[in-house]
Amino acid sequence: MSQPDFQKMSQKDLRAYVLDHRDDQDAFYAYIDKLNAEAQWVEMPPLQSVEDLDQYPEFVERMCDRPQQNDSSP
C-alpha cells in the first residue's frame, strides 16, 4: 500500500490520519511540520498567576474566539 501525500493533506485531514495511524512516524513529523508552518502562535513567558493573563489580551482573545476542541473526535 502506498503512503498518502502528506504535503497535500489539510491540517485537519492529516491530524485524523495521524490519530488513525499512531505508529506512522513520517505522518507524525509531517503533521508537526505543518503545524509549525501554519501556526499563528502567541509567544509569552510562563505565567506566575492567572492575573498575569491580563498582560496578554491577544492570547485571551484567541482562546475565547476559537471553538472548543474535543481530543476524542477526529
C-alpha atoms as a PDB file:
ATOM      1  CA  MET A   1       0.000   0.000   0.000  1.00  0.00           C
ATOM      2  CA  SER A   2       1.377   3.407  -0.927  1.00  0.00           C
ATOM      3  CA  GLN A   3       1.606   6.207   1.592  1.00  0.00           C
ATOM      4  CA  PRO A   4      -0.620   9.296   1.124  1.00  0.00           C
ATOM      5  CA  ASP A   5       0.915  12.612   0.119  1.00  0.00           C
ATOM      6  CA  PHE A   6       1.043  14.361   3.482  1.00  0.00           C
ATOM      7  CA  GLN A   7       2.014  17.692   1.893  1.00  0.00           C
ATOM      8  CA  LYS A   8      -1.295  17.839   0.004  1.00  0.00           C
ATOM      9  CA  MET A   9      -3.432  16.916   3.016  1.00  0.00           C
ATOM     10  CA  SER A  10      -5.153  19.599   5.045  1.00  0.00           C
ATOM     11  CA  GLN A  11      -4.118  20.026   8.654  1.00  0.00           C
ATOM     12  CA  LYS A  12      -7.439  18.537   9.783  1.00  0.00           C
ATOM     13  CA  ASP A  13      -7.125  15.507   7.473  1.00  0.00           C
ATOM     14  CA  LEU A  14      -3.517  14.937   8.460  1.00  0.00           C
ATOM     15  CA  ARG A  15      -4.446  15.077  12.146  1.00  0.00           C
ATOM     16  CA  ALA A  16      -7.141  12.463  11.576  1.00  0.00           C
ATOM     17  CA  TYR A  17      -4.659  10.292   9.677  1.00  0.00           C
ATOM     18  CA  VAL A  18      -2.081  10.548  12.475  1.00  0.00           C
ATOM     19  CA  LEU A  19      -4.684   9.598  15.071  1.00  0.00           C
ATOM     20  CA  ASP A  20      -5.715   6.568  12.987  1.00  0.00           C
ATOM     21  CA  HIS A  21      -2.094   5.562  12.254  1.00  0.00           C
ATOM     22  CA  ARG A  22      -0.282   6.305  15.514  1.00  0.00           C
ATOM     23  CA  ASP A  23       2.769   4.228  14.552  1.00  0.00           C
ATOM     24  CA  ASP A  24       3.417   6.176  11.329  1.00  0.00           C
ATOM     25  CA  GLN A  25       6.328   8.436  12.274  1.00  0.00           C
ATOM     26  CA  ASP A  26       6.507  10.049   8.825  1.00  0.00           C
ATOM     27  CA  ALA A  27       2.885  11.163   9.181  1.00  0.00           C
ATOM     28  CA  PHE A  28       3.536  12.464  12.690  1.00  0.00           C
ATOM     29  CA  TYR A  29       6.545  14.530  11.605  1.00  0.00           C
ATOM     30  CA  ALA A  30       4.649  15.838   8.569  1.00  0.00           C
ATOM     31  CA  TYR A  31       1.839  16.908  10.905  1.00  0.00           C
ATOM     32  CA  ILE A  32       4.235  18.689  13.258  1.00  0.00           C
ATOM     33  CA  ASP A  33       5.920  20.413  10.308  1.00  0.00           C
ATOM     34  CA  LYS A  34       2.515  21.547   9.030  1.00  0.00           C
ATOM     35  CA  LEU A  35       1.552  22.846  12.481  1.00  0.00           C
ATOM     36  CA  ASN A  36       4.754  24.878  12.652  1.00  0.00           C
ATOM     37  CA  ALA A  37       4.375  26.193   9.101  1.00  0.00           C
ATOM     38  CA  GLU A  38       0.745  27.245   9.546  1.00  0.00           C
ATOM     39  CA  ALA A  39       0.944  28.318  13.182  1.00  0.00           C
ATOM     40  CA  GLN A  40      -0.102  31.667  14.478  1.00  0.00           C
ATOM     41  CA  TRP A  41       1.488  31.413  17.879  1.00  0.00           C
ATOM     42  CA  VAL A  42       1.232  33.982  20.611  1.00  0.00           C
ATOM     43  CA  GLU A  43       4.519  33.807  22.494  1.00  0.00           C
ATOM     44  CA  MET A  44       4.646  34.749  26.125  1.00  0.00           C
ATOM     45  CA  PRO A  45       6.724  33.844  29.181  1.00  0.00           C
ATOM     46  CA  PRO A  46       5.423  31.375  31.771  1.00  0.00           C
ATOM     47  CA  LEU A  47       2.741  32.847  33.984  1.00  0.00           C
ATOM     48  CA  GLN A  48       3.117  33.145  37.741  1.00  0.00           C
ATOM     49  CA  SER A  49      -0.626  33.572  38.340  1.00  0.00           C
ATOM     50  CA  VAL A  50      -3.920  33.756  36.450  1.00  0.00           C
ATOM     51  CA  GLU A  51      -3.858  37.523  36.836  1.00  0.00           C
ATOM     52  CA  ASP A  52      -0.758  37.600  34.597  1.00  0.00           C
ATOM     53  CA  LEU A  53      -3.101  36.857  31.667  1.00  0.00           C
ATOM     54  CA  ASP A  54      -4.218  40.491  31.863  1.00  0.00           C
ATOM     55  CA  GLN A  55      -0.835  41.381  30.327  1.00  0.00           C
ATOM     56  CA  TYR A  56      -1.577  39.242  27.221  1.00  0.00           C
ATOM     57  CA  PRO A  57      -5.004  40.276  25.895  1.00  0.00           C
ATOM     58  CA  GLU A  58      -4.228  38.901  22.396  1.00  0.00           C
ATOM     59  CA  PHE A  59      -3.779  35.428  23.906  1.00  0.00           C
ATOM     60  CA  VAL A  60      -7.014  35.620  25.889  1.00  0.00           C
ATOM     61  CA  GLU A  61      -8.848  36.902  22.812  1.00  0.00           C
ATOM     62  CA  ARG A  62      -7.642  33.991  20.676  1.00  0.00           C
ATOM     63  CA  MET A  63      -8.557  31.458  23.343  1.00  0.00           C
ATOM     64  CA  CYS A  64     -12.050  32.918  23.673  1.00  0.00           C
ATOM     65  CA  ASP A  65     -12.607  33.121  19.901  1.00  0.00           C
ATOM     66  CA  ARG A  66     -11.553  29.598  18.940  1.00  0.00           C
ATOM     67  CA  PRO A  67     -14.069  26.767  19.023  1.00  0.00           C
ATOM     68  CA  GLN A  68     -13.660  24.179  21.749  1.00  0.00           C
ATOM     69  CA  GLN A  69     -11.820  21.068  20.550  1.00  0.00           C
ATOM     70  CA  ASN A  70     -12.616  17.626  21.770  1.00  0.00           C
ATOM     71  CA  ASP A  71      -9.482  15.473  21.503  1.00  0.00           C
ATOM     72  CA  SER A  72     -11.532  12.296  21.150  1.00  0.00           C
ATOM     73  CA  SER A  73     -13.128  13.445  17.882  1.00  0.00           C
ATOM     74  CA  PRO A  74     -11.140  13.298  14.619  1.00  0.00           C
END
